[in-house]
């Protein structure tokens, strides 16, 4: 829940846009969680990938080509 409060604080501080203030936190809430991404790659039988945390409350999933 810290992430949700953080994005609300950041959008309130740095944006005057109604759209950013409302859609930013919603987008973060709906984003994939690390555990969900790991389950997806496991279900797809993908063994060569990297998963890392990125700025703006996002996970980056890179599939490695063999």
N, C-alpha and C. Protein backbone atom coordinates (compact mmCIF):
# COMPACT_ATOMS: atom_id res chain seq x y z
N UNK A 1 0.81 -1.20 0.00
CA UNK A 1 0.00 0.00 0.00
C UNK A 1 0.86 1.27 0.00
N UNK A 2 2.11 1.13 0.40
CA UNK A 2 3.03 2.26 0.38
C UNK A 2 3.18 2.83 -1.03
N UNK A 3 3.22 1.95 -2.02
CA UNK A 3 3.34 2.39 -3.40
C UNK A 3 2.17 3.27 -3.79
N UNK A 4 0.96 2.86 -3.43
CA UNK A 4 -0.22 3.62 -3.78
C UNK A 4 -0.18 5.02 -3.15
N UNK A 5 0.23 5.10 -1.90
CA UNK A 5 0.34 6.41 -1.24
C UNK A 5 1.45 7.24 -1.87
N UNK A 6 2.53 6.58 -2.25
CA UNK A 6 3.66 7.30 -2.86
C UNK A 6 3.27 7.93 -4.18
N UNK A 7 2.56 7.18 -5.03
CA UNK A 7 2.19 7.73 -6.33
C UNK A 7 1.16 8.86 -6.17
N UNK A 8 0.29 8.74 -5.19
CA UNK A 8 -0.67 9.83 -4.95
C UNK A 8 0.08 11.10 -4.52
N UNK A 9 1.06 10.94 -3.66
CA UNK A 9 1.86 12.08 -3.19
C UNK A 9 2.63 12.71 -4.35
N UNK A 10 3.27 11.86 -5.15
CA UNK A 10 4.06 12.36 -6.28
C UNK A 10 3.20 13.09 -7.31
N UNK A 11 2.05 12.52 -7.65
CA UNK A 11 1.20 13.17 -8.65
C UNK A 11 0.61 14.48 -8.10
N UNK A 12 0.30 14.51 -6.82
CA UNK A 12 -0.22 15.74 -6.22
C UNK A 12 0.85 16.83 -6.20
N UNK A 13 2.08 16.42 -5.96
CA UNK A 13 3.18 17.37 -5.86
C UNK A 13 3.64 17.90 -7.22
N UNK A 14 3.67 17.03 -8.23
CA UNK A 14 4.28 17.40 -9.51
C UNK A 14 3.31 17.63 -10.66
N UNK A 15 2.04 17.44 -10.45
CA UNK A 15 1.11 17.62 -11.57
C UNK A 15 -0.14 18.37 -11.14
N UNK A 16 -0.61 19.18 -12.03
CA UNK A 16 -1.89 19.86 -11.81
C UNK A 16 -3.00 19.20 -12.61
N UNK A 17 -2.63 18.22 -13.40
CA UNK A 17 -3.58 17.56 -14.29
C UNK A 17 -4.51 16.61 -13.52
N UNK A 18 -5.79 16.81 -13.71
CA UNK A 18 -6.78 15.92 -13.10
C UNK A 18 -6.57 14.49 -13.59
N UNK A 19 -6.27 14.33 -14.87
CA UNK A 19 -6.07 13.01 -15.46
C UNK A 19 -4.90 12.28 -14.80
N UNK A 20 -3.79 12.94 -14.65
CA UNK A 20 -2.60 12.34 -14.03
C UNK A 20 -2.89 11.97 -12.57
N UNK A 21 -3.51 12.87 -11.85
CA UNK A 21 -3.79 12.63 -10.43
C UNK A 21 -4.73 11.45 -10.21
N UNK A 22 -5.63 11.21 -11.14
CA UNK A 22 -6.58 10.11 -10.97
C UNK A 22 -6.14 8.82 -11.66
N UNK A 23 -5.60 8.93 -12.86
CA UNK A 23 -5.20 7.73 -13.59
C UNK A 23 -3.86 7.16 -13.17
N UNK A 24 -2.97 8.01 -12.65
CA UNK A 24 -1.66 7.53 -12.19
C UNK A 24 -1.78 6.47 -11.11
N UNK A 25 -2.45 6.77 -10.00
CA UNK A 25 -2.61 5.76 -8.95
C UNK A 25 -3.37 4.51 -9.42
N UNK A 26 -4.35 4.69 -10.29
CA UNK A 26 -5.10 3.55 -10.81
C UNK A 26 -4.19 2.65 -11.65
N UNK A 27 -3.37 3.24 -12.46
CA UNK A 27 -2.43 2.49 -13.29
C UNK A 27 -1.45 1.70 -12.43
N UNK A 28 -0.95 2.30 -11.38
CA UNK A 28 -0.01 1.62 -10.48
C UNK A 28 -0.71 0.45 -9.78
N UNK A 29 -1.94 0.66 -9.32
CA UNK A 29 -2.69 -0.42 -8.65
C UNK A 29 -2.93 -1.60 -9.58
N UNK A 30 -3.16 -1.33 -10.85
CA UNK A 30 -3.48 -2.39 -11.82
C UNK A 30 -2.25 -3.06 -12.43
N UNK A 31 -1.08 -2.52 -12.17
CA UNK A 31 0.15 -3.07 -12.75
C UNK A 31 0.43 -4.47 -12.20
N UNK A 32 1.14 -5.27 -12.98
CA UNK A 32 1.52 -6.60 -12.53
C UNK A 32 2.43 -6.51 -11.31
N UNK A 33 2.24 -7.45 -10.40
CA UNK A 33 3.13 -7.60 -9.26
C UNK A 33 4.23 -8.58 -9.64
N UNK A 34 5.34 -8.54 -8.90
CA UNK A 34 6.48 -9.41 -9.20
C UNK A 34 6.06 -10.87 -9.20
N UNK A 35 5.30 -11.28 -8.21
CA UNK A 35 4.87 -12.68 -8.12
C UNK A 35 3.99 -13.08 -9.31
N UNK A 36 3.15 -12.16 -9.78
CA UNK A 36 2.30 -12.45 -10.93
C UNK A 36 3.13 -12.64 -12.20
N UNK A 37 4.13 -11.81 -12.39
CA UNK A 37 4.99 -11.94 -13.56
C UNK A 37 5.77 -13.25 -13.52
N UNK A 38 6.26 -13.62 -12.35
CA UNK A 38 6.99 -14.88 -12.22
C UNK A 38 6.09 -16.07 -12.56
N UNK A 39 4.85 -16.04 -12.10
CA UNK A 39 3.90 -17.11 -12.41
C UNK A 39 3.64 -17.18 -13.92
N UNK A 40 3.52 -16.04 -14.56
CA UNK A 40 3.27 -16.01 -16.00
C UNK A 40 4.41 -16.64 -16.80
N UNK A 41 5.64 -16.29 -16.45
CA UNK A 41 6.77 -16.86 -17.20
C UNK A 41 6.92 -18.35 -16.90
N UNK A 42 6.62 -18.77 -15.69
CA UNK A 42 6.67 -20.19 -15.35
C UNK A 42 5.60 -20.97 -16.13
N UNK A 43 4.40 -20.44 -16.19
CA UNK A 43 3.31 -21.09 -16.93
C UNK A 43 3.61 -21.18 -18.42
N UNK A 44 4.37 -20.21 -18.93
CA UNK A 44 4.74 -20.20 -20.34
C UNK A 44 6.01 -21.02 -20.59
N UNK A 45 6.55 -21.62 -19.55
CA UNK A 45 7.77 -22.45 -19.62
C UNK A 45 8.97 -21.65 -20.14
N UNK A 46 9.04 -20.39 -19.73
CA UNK A 46 10.17 -19.53 -20.10
C UNK A 46 11.18 -19.61 -18.96
N UNK A 47 12.39 -19.98 -19.30
CA UNK A 47 13.41 -20.14 -18.26
C UNK A 47 14.49 -19.07 -18.32
N UNK A 48 14.59 -18.38 -19.43
CA UNK A 48 15.64 -17.39 -19.59
C UNK A 48 15.02 -15.99 -19.65
N UNK A 49 15.04 -15.32 -18.51
CA UNK A 49 14.44 -13.99 -18.42
C UNK A 49 15.08 -13.22 -17.28
N UNK A 50 14.86 -11.93 -17.26
CA UNK A 50 15.28 -11.11 -16.12
C UNK A 50 14.11 -10.23 -15.72
N UNK A 51 14.03 -9.98 -14.45
CA UNK A 51 12.94 -9.19 -13.89
C UNK A 51 13.56 -8.20 -12.93
N UNK A 52 13.32 -6.91 -13.19
CA UNK A 52 13.89 -5.91 -12.30
C UNK A 52 12.93 -4.76 -12.06
N UNK A 53 13.09 -4.12 -10.93
CA UNK A 53 12.27 -2.99 -10.52
C UNK A 53 12.72 -1.73 -11.26
N UNK A 54 11.79 -0.99 -11.76
CA UNK A 54 12.08 0.24 -12.49
C UNK A 54 11.41 1.42 -11.79
N UNK A 55 11.89 2.60 -12.12
CA UNK A 55 11.29 3.80 -11.57
C UNK A 55 9.83 3.89 -11.99
N UNK A 56 9.09 4.61 -11.25
CA UNK A 56 7.66 4.84 -11.49
C UNK A 56 6.83 3.62 -11.16
N UNK A 57 7.30 2.84 -10.17
CA UNK A 57 6.51 1.75 -9.62
C UNK A 57 6.16 0.67 -10.64
N UNK A 58 7.17 0.25 -11.40
CA UNK A 58 6.95 -0.75 -12.45
C UNK A 58 8.01 -1.84 -12.40
N UNK A 59 7.61 -3.01 -12.85
CA UNK A 59 8.55 -4.12 -13.05
C UNK A 59 8.86 -4.22 -14.53
N UNK A 60 10.11 -4.49 -14.84
CA UNK A 60 10.52 -4.70 -16.23
C UNK A 60 10.85 -6.18 -16.39
N UNK A 61 10.16 -6.82 -17.32
CA UNK A 61 10.39 -8.23 -17.62
C UNK A 61 11.02 -8.30 -19.00
N UNK A 62 12.24 -8.85 -19.04
CA UNK A 62 12.94 -9.02 -20.31
C UNK A 62 13.12 -10.51 -20.57
N UNK A 63 12.63 -10.94 -21.72
CA UNK A 63 12.80 -12.33 -22.14
C UNK A 63 14.09 -12.41 -22.93
N UNK A 64 14.92 -13.37 -22.58
CA UNK A 64 16.21 -13.49 -23.23
C UNK A 64 16.12 -14.47 -24.39
N UNK A 65 16.64 -14.05 -25.51
CA UNK A 65 16.64 -14.87 -26.71
C UNK A 65 17.76 -15.90 -26.64
N UNK A 66 17.44 -17.13 -26.95
CA UNK A 66 18.46 -18.18 -26.92
C UNK A 66 19.14 -18.34 -28.24
